[in-house]
């Protein structure tokens, strides 16, 4: 989304990212992974995640999926080569948040949800092209 954010704004939408971390960890991530044209917010109590109904994958199952993907070659670059980025990823992996799956939500200007996708697993995400297809349908 970083590369296509201006295109999103042309639809009249704004993007925010809510991460299951405290603000200081979100800032660590941003310091290592660079600038984003949209804000990141921390939700260490996972209140927004709970309200939306996101799923939590058992850590053992998540680990097995990751190992299987690495062996098959379908999962790569899980651990960045850059040491600062690697430290942030490893710190994240040691916390519980990696088992919480994400969500993609579209809200109208009144806050009414017009689209929702709750990820079932790491590979079950709405990709950018799918998101733009939804936005085009709603325009």
N, C-alpha and C. Protein backbone atom coordinates (compact mmCIF):
# COMPACT_ATOMS: atom_id res chain seq x y z
N UNK A 1 0.82 -1.20 0.00
CA UNK A 1 0.00 0.00 0.00
C UNK A 1 0.86 1.26 0.00
N UNK A 2 2.05 1.14 0.52
CA UNK A 2 2.91 2.31 0.55
C UNK A 2 3.10 2.87 -0.86
N UNK A 3 3.31 1.99 -1.83
CA UNK A 3 3.58 2.42 -3.20
C UNK A 3 2.33 2.91 -3.91
N UNK A 4 1.16 2.51 -3.46
CA UNK A 4 -0.08 2.86 -4.17
C UNK A 4 -1.03 3.73 -3.34
N UNK A 5 -0.49 4.34 -2.30
CA UNK A 5 -1.34 5.13 -1.41
C UNK A 5 -2.00 6.30 -2.11
N UNK A 6 -1.28 6.98 -2.99
CA UNK A 6 -1.87 8.12 -3.71
C UNK A 6 -3.08 7.67 -4.53
N UNK A 7 -2.99 6.48 -5.10
CA UNK A 7 -4.11 5.92 -5.86
C UNK A 7 -5.32 5.71 -4.94
N UNK A 8 -5.06 5.25 -3.73
CA UNK A 8 -6.14 5.07 -2.75
C UNK A 8 -6.80 6.40 -2.43
N UNK A 9 -5.99 7.42 -2.25
CA UNK A 9 -6.54 8.74 -1.93
C UNK A 9 -7.42 9.27 -3.06
N UNK A 10 -7.12 8.88 -4.30
CA UNK A 10 -7.94 9.31 -5.44
C UNK A 10 -9.36 8.78 -5.33
N UNK A 11 -9.54 7.68 -4.63
CA UNK A 11 -10.87 7.14 -4.38
C UNK A 11 -11.56 7.88 -3.23
N UNK A 12 -10.81 8.74 -2.55
CA UNK A 12 -11.36 9.48 -1.42
C UNK A 12 -11.22 8.78 -0.08
N UNK A 13 -10.35 7.78 -0.03
CA UNK A 13 -10.16 7.02 1.21
C UNK A 13 -8.84 7.36 1.87
N UNK A 14 -8.77 7.11 3.15
CA UNK A 14 -7.54 7.20 3.94
C UNK A 14 -7.28 5.82 4.50
N UNK A 15 -6.03 5.52 4.75
CA UNK A 15 -5.63 4.24 5.31
C UNK A 15 -5.01 4.47 6.67
N UNK A 16 -5.38 3.65 7.62
CA UNK A 16 -4.68 3.62 8.90
C UNK A 16 -4.33 2.17 9.20
N UNK A 17 -3.23 1.99 9.89
CA UNK A 17 -2.79 0.66 10.30
C UNK A 17 -2.87 0.61 11.82
N UNK A 18 -3.47 -0.45 12.33
CA UNK A 18 -3.53 -0.66 13.78
C UNK A 18 -2.77 -1.94 14.06
N UNK A 19 -1.74 -1.81 14.87
CA UNK A 19 -0.88 -2.94 15.19
C UNK A 19 -1.10 -3.36 16.64
N UNK A 20 -1.00 -4.65 16.93
CA UNK A 20 -1.24 -5.13 18.30
C UNK A 20 0.00 -4.93 19.19
N UNK A 21 0.50 -3.72 19.20
CA UNK A 21 1.71 -3.38 19.97
C UNK A 21 1.51 -2.05 20.67
N UNK A 22 2.36 -1.78 21.62
CA UNK A 22 2.36 -0.45 22.21
C UNK A 22 3.05 0.51 21.24
N UNK A 23 2.78 1.77 21.42
CA UNK A 23 3.27 2.78 20.50
C UNK A 23 4.78 2.79 20.34
N UNK A 24 5.52 2.49 21.41
CA UNK A 24 6.98 2.51 21.32
C UNK A 24 7.49 1.43 20.36
N UNK A 25 6.83 0.26 20.33
CA UNK A 25 7.26 -0.79 19.40
C UNK A 25 6.88 -0.42 17.97
N UNK A 26 5.71 0.20 17.80
CA UNK A 26 5.31 0.67 16.46
C UNK A 26 6.37 1.64 15.95
N UNK A 27 6.85 2.52 16.82
CA UNK A 27 7.87 3.48 16.41
C UNK A 27 9.17 2.77 16.06
N UNK A 28 9.54 1.73 16.80
CA UNK A 28 10.73 0.93 16.45
C UNK A 28 10.60 0.37 15.04
N UNK A 29 9.43 -0.19 14.75
CA UNK A 29 9.17 -0.74 13.42
C UNK A 29 9.35 0.34 12.36
N UNK A 30 8.71 1.49 12.57
CA UNK A 30 8.80 2.58 11.59
C UNK A 30 10.23 3.08 11.42
N UNK A 31 10.98 3.13 12.51
CA UNK A 31 12.37 3.56 12.43
C UNK A 31 13.19 2.63 11.55
N UNK A 32 12.88 1.34 11.56
CA UNK A 32 13.65 0.36 10.80
C UNK A 32 13.13 0.14 9.38
N UNK A 33 11.83 0.24 9.20
CA UNK A 33 11.25 -0.10 7.90
C UNK A 33 10.88 1.13 7.06
N UNK A 34 11.13 2.31 7.58
CA UNK A 34 10.97 3.51 6.77
C UNK A 34 9.64 4.19 6.90
N UNK A 35 9.55 5.28 6.15
CA UNK A 35 8.36 6.12 6.19
C UNK A 35 7.19 5.49 5.44
N UNK A 36 6.04 5.74 5.95
CA UNK A 36 4.79 5.34 5.32
C UNK A 36 3.93 6.59 5.19
N UNK A 37 3.18 6.71 4.12
CA UNK A 37 2.35 7.91 3.95
C UNK A 37 1.03 7.85 4.72
N UNK A 38 0.89 6.86 5.58
CA UNK A 38 -0.32 6.70 6.37
C UNK A 38 0.09 6.40 7.80
N UNK A 39 -0.78 6.72 8.76
CA UNK A 39 -0.42 6.54 10.17
C UNK A 39 -0.53 5.09 10.66
N UNK A 40 0.30 4.78 11.62
CA UNK A 40 0.26 3.51 12.35
C UNK A 40 -0.11 3.83 13.80
N UNK A 41 -1.00 3.03 14.36
CA UNK A 41 -1.39 3.18 15.75
C UNK A 41 -1.18 1.86 16.47
N UNK A 42 -0.81 1.96 17.74
CA UNK A 42 -0.65 0.77 18.56
C UNK A 42 -1.93 0.45 19.31
N UNK A 43 -2.20 -0.83 19.47
CA UNK A 43 -3.37 -1.33 20.20
C UNK A 43 -2.89 -2.47 21.10
N UNK A 44 -2.05 -2.13 22.12
CA UNK A 44 -1.46 -3.21 22.93
C UNK A 44 -2.47 -4.06 23.68
N UNK A 45 -3.63 -3.51 23.98
CA UNK A 45 -4.66 -4.29 24.68
C UNK A 45 -5.52 -5.08 23.70
N UNK A 46 -5.27 -4.86 22.39
CA UNK A 46 -5.96 -5.56 21.31
C UNK A 46 -7.47 -5.33 21.34
N UNK A 47 -7.87 -4.17 21.83
CA UNK A 47 -9.29 -3.83 21.91
C UNK A 47 -9.92 -3.76 20.52
N UNK A 48 -9.24 -3.08 19.58
CA UNK A 48 -9.80 -2.98 18.22
C UNK A 48 -9.86 -4.36 17.57
N UNK A 49 -8.85 -5.17 17.80
CA UNK A 49 -8.82 -6.53 17.24
C UNK A 49 -9.99 -7.35 17.76
N UNK A 50 -10.24 -7.23 19.07
CA UNK A 50 -11.36 -7.96 19.68
C UNK A 50 -12.70 -7.46 19.15
N UNK A 51 -12.85 -6.14 19.02
CA UNK A 51 -14.12 -5.57 18.55
C UNK A 51 -14.43 -5.99 17.12
N UNK A 52 -13.40 -6.08 16.30
CA UNK A 52 -13.59 -6.47 14.89
C UNK A 52 -13.82 -7.97 14.77
N UNK A 53 -13.27 -8.73 15.70
CA UNK A 53 -13.44 -10.18 15.66
C UNK A 53 -12.32 -10.92 14.96
N UNK A 54 -11.12 -10.33 14.96
CA UNK A 54 -10.00 -11.01 14.31
C UNK A 54 -9.73 -12.36 14.95
N UNK A 55 -9.12 -13.20 14.18
CA UNK A 55 -8.84 -14.57 14.61
C UNK A 55 -7.41 -14.67 15.14
N UNK A 56 -7.20 -15.60 16.03
CA UNK A 56 -5.86 -15.90 16.52
C UNK A 56 -5.56 -17.34 16.15
N UNK A 57 -4.47 -17.51 15.43
CA UNK A 57 -4.06 -18.85 15.01
C UNK A 57 -3.18 -19.45 16.12
N UNK A 58 -3.41 -20.70 16.49
CA UNK A 58 -2.54 -21.32 17.49
C UNK A 58 -1.08 -21.24 17.04
N UNK A 59 -0.20 -20.88 17.99
CA UNK A 59 1.21 -20.67 17.63
C UNK A 59 1.85 -21.90 17.00
N UNK A 60 1.50 -23.08 17.48
CA UNK A 60 2.07 -24.30 16.90
C UNK A 60 1.68 -24.46 15.44
N UNK A 61 0.42 -24.19 15.14
CA UNK A 61 -0.06 -24.29 13.77
C UNK A 61 0.62 -23.25 12.89
N UNK A 62 0.78 -22.04 13.42
CA UNK A 62 1.46 -20.97 12.68
C UNK A 62 2.91 -21.34 12.40
N UNK A 63 3.58 -21.91 13.39
CA UNK A 63 4.97 -22.34 13.21
C UNK A 63 5.07 -23.43 12.16
N UNK A 64 4.18 -24.40 12.21
CA UNK A 64 4.19 -25.49 11.23
C UNK A 64 3.94 -24.97 9.81
N UNK A 65 2.99 -24.04 9.66
CA UNK A 65 2.71 -23.45 8.35
C UNK A 65 3.95 -22.71 7.83
N UNK A 66 4.62 -22.00 8.72
CA UNK A 66 5.83 -21.25 8.32
C UNK A 66 6.93 -22.20 7.90
N UNK A 67 7.17 -23.24 8.68
CA UNK A 67 8.22 -24.20 8.34
C UNK A 67 7.91 -24.91 7.02
N UNK A 68 6.66 -25.32 6.86
CA UNK A 68 6.25 -25.99 5.62
C UNK A 68 6.45 -25.05 4.43
N UNK A 69 6.07 -23.80 4.58
CA UNK A 69 6.23 -22.82 3.52
C UNK A 69 7.68 -22.56 3.18
N UNK A 70 8.53 -22.52 4.19
CA UNK A 70 9.96 -22.30 3.95
C UNK A 70 10.56 -23.50 3.22
N UNK A 71 10.16 -24.71 3.61
CA UNK A 71 10.67 -25.91 2.95
C UNK A 71 10.20 -26.02 1.50
N UNK A 72 8.95 -25.64 1.26
CA UNK A 72 8.39 -25.68 -0.09
C UNK A 72 8.87 -24.50 -0.95
N UNK A 73 9.42 -23.49 -0.31
CA UNK A 73 9.87 -22.32 -1.03
C UNK A 73 8.76 -21.31 -1.29
N UNK A 74 7.60 -21.51 -0.66
CA UNK A 74 6.50 -20.57 -0.86
C UNK A 74 6.55 -19.43 0.14
N UNK A 75 7.34 -19.55 1.19
CA UNK A 75 7.53 -18.50 2.18
C UNK A 75 9.02 -18.17 2.20
N UNK A 76 9.31 -16.91 1.97
CA UNK A 76 10.70 -16.48 2.02
C UNK A 76 10.77 -15.09 2.64
N UNK A 77 11.95 -14.68 2.94
CA UNK A 77 12.18 -13.34 3.50
C UNK A 77 11.41 -13.08 4.78
N UNK A 78 11.18 -14.12 5.57
CA UNK A 78 10.51 -13.95 6.85
C UNK A 78 11.41 -13.14 7.79
N UNK A 79 12.68 -13.47 7.76
CA UNK A 79 13.67 -12.76 8.57
C UNK A 79 14.48 -11.86 7.65
N UNK A 80 14.36 -10.54 7.81
CA UNK A 80 15.11 -9.62 6.95
C UNK A 80 16.62 -9.76 7.15
N UNK A 81 17.37 -9.41 6.12
CA UNK A 81 18.83 -9.45 6.21
C UNK A 81 19.39 -8.26 6.97
N UNK A 82 18.73 -7.11 6.86
CA UNK A 82 19.14 -5.91 7.59
C UNK A 82 19.05 -6.17 9.10
N UNK A 83 20.13 -5.92 9.83
CA UNK A 83 20.17 -6.27 11.26
C UNK A 83 19.12 -5.53 12.09
N UNK A 84 18.89 -4.24 11.81
CA UNK A 84 17.89 -3.50 12.56
C UNK A 84 16.50 -4.05 12.32
N UNK A 85 16.18 -4.33 11.06
CA UNK A 85 14.88 -4.90 10.73
C UNK A 85 14.74 -6.30 11.33
N UNK A 86 15.82 -7.05 11.26
CA UNK A 86 15.83 -8.41 11.82
C UNK A 86 15.52 -8.36 13.33
N UNK A 87 16.13 -7.42 14.04
CA UNK A 87 15.89 -7.29 15.48
C UNK A 87 14.42 -7.00 15.77
N UNK A 88 13.81 -6.13 14.98
CA UNK A 88 12.40 -5.79 15.19
C UNK A 88 11.52 -7.02 14.93
N UNK A 89 11.80 -7.74 13.86
CA UNK A 89 11.01 -8.93 13.53
C UNK A 89 11.16 -10.00 14.61
N UNK A 90 12.38 -10.23 15.06
CA UNK A 90 12.61 -11.24 16.10
C UNK A 90 11.91 -10.85 17.40
N UNK A 91 11.96 -9.57 17.74
CA UNK A 91 11.28 -9.10 18.95
C UNK A 91 9.78 -9.34 18.82
N UNK A 92 9.24 -9.07 17.62
CA UNK A 92 7.81 -9.28 17.38
C UNK A 92 7.46 -10.76 17.49
N UNK A 93 8.31 -11.63 16.93
CA UNK A 93 8.04 -13.07 16.96
C UNK A 93 8.04 -13.63 18.38
N UNK A 94 8.76 -12.98 19.26
CA UNK A 94 8.81 -13.46 20.65
C UNK A 94 7.59 -13.04 21.45
N UNK A 95 6.80 -12.13 20.88
CA UNK A 95 5.58 -11.70 21.57
C UNK A 95 4.39 -12.46 20.98
N UNK A 96 3.27 -12.32 21.60
CA UNK A 96 2.09 -13.07 21.18
C UNK A 96 1.45 -12.55 19.90
N UNK A 97 1.80 -11.36 19.47
CA UNK A 97 1.07 -10.72 18.39
C UNK A 97 1.17 -11.43 17.05
N UNK A 98 2.20 -12.22 16.79
CA UNK A 98 2.32 -12.83 15.47
C UNK A 98 1.24 -13.87 15.21
N UNK A 99 0.57 -14.33 16.23
CA UNK A 99 -0.50 -15.31 16.02
C UNK A 99 -1.85 -14.65 15.73
N UNK A 100 -1.94 -13.35 15.97
CA UNK A 100 -3.18 -12.63 15.68
C UNK A 100 -3.21 -12.35 14.19
N UNK A 101 -4.28 -12.76 13.56
CA UNK A 101 -4.42 -12.52 12.13
C UNK A 101 -5.01 -11.13 11.91
N UNK A 102 -4.79 -10.60 10.74
CA UNK A 102 -5.22 -9.24 10.44
C UNK A 102 -6.62 -9.16 9.90
N UNK A 103 -6.97 -7.96 9.50
CA UNK A 103 -8.27 -7.70 8.91
C UNK A 103 -8.14 -6.51 7.96
N UNK A 104 -8.98 -6.49 6.97
CA UNK A 104 -9.09 -5.35 6.08
C UNK A 104 -10.53 -4.86 6.16
N UNK A 105 -10.68 -3.61 6.54
CA UNK A 105 -12.01 -3.03 6.71
C UNK A 105 -12.10 -1.76 5.88
N UNK A 106 -13.25 -1.52 5.31
CA UNK A 106 -13.51 -0.25 4.63
C UNK A 106 -14.71 0.37 5.34
N UNK A 107 -14.52 1.61 5.77
CA UNK A 107 -15.57 2.36 6.44
C UNK A 107 -15.93 3.57 5.59
N UNK A 108 -17.21 3.90 5.57
CA UNK A 108 -17.59 5.11 4.85
C UNK A 108 -17.34 6.33 5.74
N UNK A 109 -17.68 7.51 5.23
CA UNK A 109 -17.40 8.75 5.96
C UNK A 109 -18.18 8.85 7.27
N UNK A 110 -19.22 8.05 7.44
CA UNK A 110 -19.99 8.05 8.69
C UNK A 110 -19.54 6.96 9.65
N UNK A 111 -18.53 6.19 9.23
CA UNK A 111 -18.02 5.13 10.10
C UNK A 111 -18.72 3.80 9.91
N UNK A 112 -19.62 3.71 8.93
CA UNK A 112 -20.32 2.46 8.66
C UNK A 112 -19.40 1.54 7.85
N UNK A 113 -19.29 0.30 8.28
CA UNK A 113 -18.44 -0.66 7.58
C UNK A 113 -19.12 -1.09 6.28
N UNK A 114 -18.38 -0.92 5.18
CA UNK A 114 -18.92 -1.30 3.88
C UNK A 114 -18.22 -2.53 3.30
N UNK A 115 -17.14 -2.94 3.93
CA UNK A 115 -16.41 -4.14 3.50
C UNK A 115 -15.60 -4.64 4.68
N UNK A 116 -15.52 -5.95 4.82
CA UNK A 116 -14.75 -6.56 5.89
C UNK A 116 -14.17 -7.89 5.43
N UNK A 117 -12.91 -8.09 5.69
CA UNK A 117 -12.27 -9.39 5.45
C UNK A 117 -11.41 -9.70 6.67
N UNK A 118 -11.74 -10.77 7.38
CA UNK A 118 -10.95 -11.22 8.52
C UNK A 118 -10.06 -12.35 8.05
N UNK A 119 -8.76 -12.15 8.15
CA UNK A 119 -7.80 -13.16 7.69
C UNK A 119 -7.92 -14.43 8.53
N UNK A 120 -7.91 -15.56 7.86
CA UNK A 120 -7.94 -16.86 8.53
C UNK A 120 -6.53 -17.35 8.84
N UNK A 121 -5.55 -16.91 8.03
CA UNK A 121 -4.16 -17.35 8.15
C UNK A 121 -3.27 -16.30 7.50
N UNK A 122 -1.97 -16.41 7.65
CA UNK A 122 -1.07 -15.41 7.06
C UNK A 122 -1.22 -15.25 5.55
N UNK A 123 -1.56 -16.32 4.85
CA UNK A 123 -1.69 -16.21 3.39
C UNK A 123 -3.08 -15.78 2.95
N UNK A 124 -4.01 -15.68 3.87
CA UNK A 124 -5.39 -15.29 3.56
C UNK A 124 -5.56 -13.78 3.80
N UNK A 125 -4.95 -13.01 2.94
CA UNK A 125 -5.01 -11.56 3.07
C UNK A 125 -5.61 -10.97 1.80
N UNK A 126 -6.24 -9.82 1.95
CA UNK A 126 -6.70 -9.08 0.78
C UNK A 126 -5.47 -8.40 0.20
N UNK A 127 -5.16 -8.70 -1.06
CA UNK A 127 -4.01 -8.02 -1.65
C UNK A 127 -4.45 -6.66 -2.19
N UNK A 128 -3.50 -5.86 -2.57
CA UNK A 128 -3.79 -4.49 -2.98
C UNK A 128 -4.72 -4.45 -4.19
N UNK A 129 -4.50 -5.30 -5.17
CA UNK A 129 -5.38 -5.31 -6.34
C UNK A 129 -6.81 -5.67 -5.97
N UNK A 130 -6.99 -6.64 -5.07
CA UNK A 130 -8.33 -7.00 -4.61
C UNK A 130 -8.99 -5.83 -3.89
N UNK A 131 -8.22 -5.12 -3.09
CA UNK A 131 -8.75 -3.97 -2.37
C UNK A 131 -9.24 -2.90 -3.35
N UNK A 132 -8.44 -2.63 -4.38
CA UNK A 132 -8.85 -1.63 -5.36
C UNK A 132 -10.07 -2.09 -6.16
N UNK A 133 -10.20 -3.38 -6.40
CA UNK A 133 -11.41 -3.90 -7.06
C UNK A 133 -12.64 -3.61 -6.21
N UNK A 134 -12.54 -3.82 -4.90
CA UNK A 134 -13.66 -3.53 -4.00
C UNK A 134 -13.98 -2.03 -4.02
N UNK A 135 -12.95 -1.21 -3.98
CA UNK A 135 -13.18 0.25 -3.98
C UNK A 135 -13.85 0.69 -5.29
N UNK A 136 -13.43 0.11 -6.40
CA UNK A 136 -14.05 0.45 -7.70
C UNK A 136 -15.53 0.07 -7.71
N UNK A 137 -15.84 -1.08 -7.12
CA UNK A 137 -17.24 -1.53 -7.06
C UNK A 137 -18.08 -0.61 -6.19
N UNK A 138 -17.47 -0.05 -5.15
CA UNK A 138 -18.20 0.81 -4.24
C UNK A 138 -18.29 2.24 -4.72
N UNK A 139 -17.52 2.60 -5.72
CA UNK A 139 -17.53 3.99 -6.23
C UNK A 139 -18.73 4.25 -7.11
